[in-house]
Protein backbone atom coordinates (compact mmCIF):
# COMPACT_ATOMS: atom_id res chain seq x y z
CA MET A 1 -105.92 -51.43 -143.57
CA LYS A 2 -104.19 -53.79 -141.21
CA SER A 3 -100.64 -54.77 -142.10
CA LYS A 4 -99.75 -58.43 -142.39
CA TYR A 5 -96.52 -57.67 -140.50
CA ASN A 6 -96.09 -57.01 -136.83
CA ARG A 7 -93.39 -55.34 -134.80
CA GLN A 8 -91.97 -58.64 -133.54
CA GLU A 9 -91.15 -59.63 -137.13
CA LEU A 10 -89.12 -56.51 -137.89
CA SER A 11 -85.46 -56.92 -138.79
CA TYR A 12 -82.57 -54.93 -137.36
CA TYR A 13 -83.13 -52.18 -139.92
CA GLY A 14 -86.87 -52.30 -139.37
CA LEU A 15 -86.42 -51.78 -135.64
CA LEU A 16 -83.89 -49.04 -136.28
CA LEU A 17 -86.32 -47.24 -138.56
CA LEU A 18 -89.25 -47.74 -136.19
CA SER A 19 -87.24 -46.18 -133.37
CA TYR A 20 -86.44 -43.17 -135.55
CA LEU A 21 -90.04 -42.83 -136.70
CA LYS A 22 -91.30 -42.85 -133.11
CA GLU A 23 -89.10 -39.85 -132.42
CA SER A 24 -89.38 -37.81 -135.63
CA HIS A 25 -92.34 -39.14 -137.64
CA PRO A 26 -94.77 -40.61 -135.09
CA ASP A 27 -97.56 -40.41 -137.66
CA LYS A 28 -95.75 -43.11 -139.70
CA THR A 29 -95.10 -45.67 -136.95
CA ASN A 30 -98.13 -47.80 -137.80
CA ASP A 31 -97.19 -48.20 -141.46
CA LEU A 32 -95.42 -51.51 -140.99
CA GLN A 33 -95.41 -52.23 -144.73
CA PHE A 34 -93.45 -49.02 -145.33
CA ILE A 35 -91.06 -49.91 -142.51
CA LYS A 36 -90.54 -53.44 -143.82
CA ASN A 37 -89.95 -52.22 -147.39
CA ARG A 38 -87.40 -49.65 -146.24
CA ALA A 39 -85.70 -52.22 -144.01
CA ASP A 40 -85.48 -54.66 -146.92
CA ILE A 41 -83.91 -51.99 -149.12
CA ALA A 42 -81.39 -51.13 -146.40
CA ALA A 43 -80.49 -54.80 -145.84
CA GLU A 44 -80.06 -55.33 -149.58
CA THR A 45 -77.93 -52.20 -149.84
CA TYR A 46 -75.73 -53.46 -147.01
CA SER A 47 -75.41 -56.92 -148.55
CA ASN A 48 -74.56 -55.56 -151.99
CA ALA A 49 -71.98 -53.17 -150.56
CA ILE A 50 -70.25 -56.02 -148.72
CA LYS A 51 -70.32 -58.17 -151.89
CA ASP A 52 -68.76 -55.25 -153.78
CA GLY A 53 -65.88 -55.08 -151.29
CA SER A 54 -66.96 -52.21 -149.04
CA SER A 55 -66.01 -52.27 -145.38
CA HIS A 56 -68.70 -53.05 -142.82
CA ASP A 57 -68.68 -49.41 -141.70
CA ARG A 58 -69.13 -48.13 -145.25
CA ALA A 59 -71.83 -50.74 -145.96
CA GLU A 60 -73.68 -49.69 -142.80
CA GLU A 61 -73.42 -46.04 -143.82
CA MET A 62 -74.86 -46.83 -147.25
CA ALA A 63 -77.67 -48.92 -145.72
CA CYS A 64 -78.62 -46.13 -143.32
CA LYS A 65 -78.65 -43.61 -146.14
CA ALA A 66 -81.16 -45.83 -147.96
CA LEU A 67 -83.14 -46.43 -144.77
CA TYR A 68 -83.59 -42.76 -143.87
CA SER A 69 -83.76 -41.25 -147.36
CA GLY A 70 -86.55 -38.68 -147.51
CA LEU A 71 -87.11 -38.85 -143.75
CA LEU A 72 -84.36 -36.60 -142.39
CA PHE A 73 -86.53 -33.49 -142.49
CA SER A 74 -89.44 -33.93 -140.12
CA LYS A 75 -92.57 -31.81 -140.04
CA PHE A 76 -93.23 -33.14 -136.56
CA ASP A 77 -89.75 -32.18 -135.32
CA THR A 78 -90.17 -28.71 -136.80
CA ILE A 79 -93.46 -28.18 -134.98
CA ARG A 80 -92.07 -29.65 -131.75
CA ASN A 81 -89.01 -27.36 -131.95
CA ILE A 82 -91.26 -24.36 -132.46
CA LEU A 83 -93.26 -25.32 -129.39
CA PHE A 84 -90.07 -25.67 -127.33
CA GLU A 85 -88.53 -22.42 -128.61
CA GLU A 86 -91.47 -20.08 -129.12
CA PHE A 87 -94.08 -21.46 -126.71
CA SER A 88 -91.79 -22.47 -123.87
CA TYR A 89 -94.55 -22.11 -121.29
CA ILE A 90 -96.08 -25.36 -122.55
CA PRO A 91 -95.04 -28.13 -120.16
CA GLU A 92 -92.50 -30.45 -121.75
CA SER A 93 -94.75 -33.40 -120.95
CA GLU A 94 -97.45 -31.93 -123.23
CA VAL A 95 -95.30 -30.95 -126.22
CA PHE A 96 -95.47 -34.31 -128.00
CA GLN A 97 -99.28 -34.44 -127.94
CA LYS A 98 -99.61 -30.76 -128.90
CA ALA A 99 -97.25 -31.28 -131.85
CA MET A 100 -99.30 -34.31 -132.96
CA SER A 101 -102.48 -32.22 -132.77
CA LEU A 102 -100.89 -29.40 -134.76
CA LEU A 103 -99.45 -31.61 -137.51
CA PRO A 104 -102.64 -31.77 -139.65
CA TYR A 105 -103.40 -28.10 -138.95
CA CYS A 106 -99.94 -27.06 -140.23
CA GLU A 107 -100.04 -29.26 -143.33
CA GLU A 108 -101.29 -26.44 -145.58
CA VAL A 109 -98.17 -24.41 -144.78
CA PHE A 110 -95.86 -27.37 -145.41
CA THR A 111 -97.42 -27.94 -148.84
CA GLU A 112 -96.16 -24.53 -149.95
CA TYR A 113 -92.57 -25.80 -149.75
CA VAL A 114 -90.54 -28.46 -151.51
CA LEU A 115 -89.29 -30.41 -148.52
CA TYR A 116 -86.16 -32.54 -148.70
CA ASP A 117 -83.69 -34.09 -146.28
CA GLU A 118 -81.51 -30.98 -145.87
CA PHE A 119 -84.40 -28.47 -145.89
CA THR A 120 -83.60 -27.39 -142.32
CA TYR A 121 -80.35 -25.88 -143.63
CA SER A 122 -81.96 -24.00 -146.52
CA ALA A 123 -82.80 -20.32 -146.73
CA GLU A 124 -86.49 -21.17 -147.03
CA TYR A 125 -86.53 -22.93 -143.67
CA ASN A 126 -86.59 -19.59 -141.80
CA ARG A 127 -89.62 -18.49 -143.79
CA LEU A 128 -91.38 -21.79 -143.07
CA TYR A 129 -90.51 -21.49 -139.39
CA THR A 130 -91.92 -17.96 -139.21
CA GLU A 131 -95.12 -18.94 -141.01
CA LEU A 132 -95.61 -21.89 -138.68
CA VAL A 133 -95.07 -19.74 -135.59
CA GLY A 134 -97.81 -17.41 -136.82
CA LEU A 135 -100.16 -20.26 -137.62
CA ILE A 136 -99.55 -21.95 -134.27
CA ASP A 137 -100.10 -18.61 -132.51
CA ILE A 138 -103.50 -18.34 -134.21
CA TRP A 139 -104.28 -21.95 -133.26
CA GLU A 140 -103.23 -21.19 -129.69
CA ASP A 141 -105.65 -18.27 -129.50
CA GLU A 142 -108.50 -20.44 -130.81
CA HIS A 143 -107.70 -23.44 -128.61
CA GLU A 144 -106.13 -21.83 -125.54
CA LEU A 145 -102.89 -23.77 -125.89
């Protein structure tokens, strides 16, 4: 479904979020409705914080928290980090595309975990990491990564 919004119409927060999504959630960069909704929430959060007497720095902090909520842990970043760390023979120029290819393949492992913004710092992260390394190793054998 084509969005009625385009990238040129994105606000400051929309562009900020789009930039972050390109890096950590590239599979979400075409969901302009999601980006616009999040940007609107962030702008409203900022405005309300200023109205309530917060400093500009504090208002910006609150807006960014709303903007990035639920997006700080990235499946894509996890896969990309595994490729960099465990499969270092893959040329850096190919890592992004390989990680994108692996994202749907790894989804079944991700569904076994309750993922949240600070998941990377949890005890379960190491187990997830290990499972993904094994799964990617199997994928590599089948696809000659």
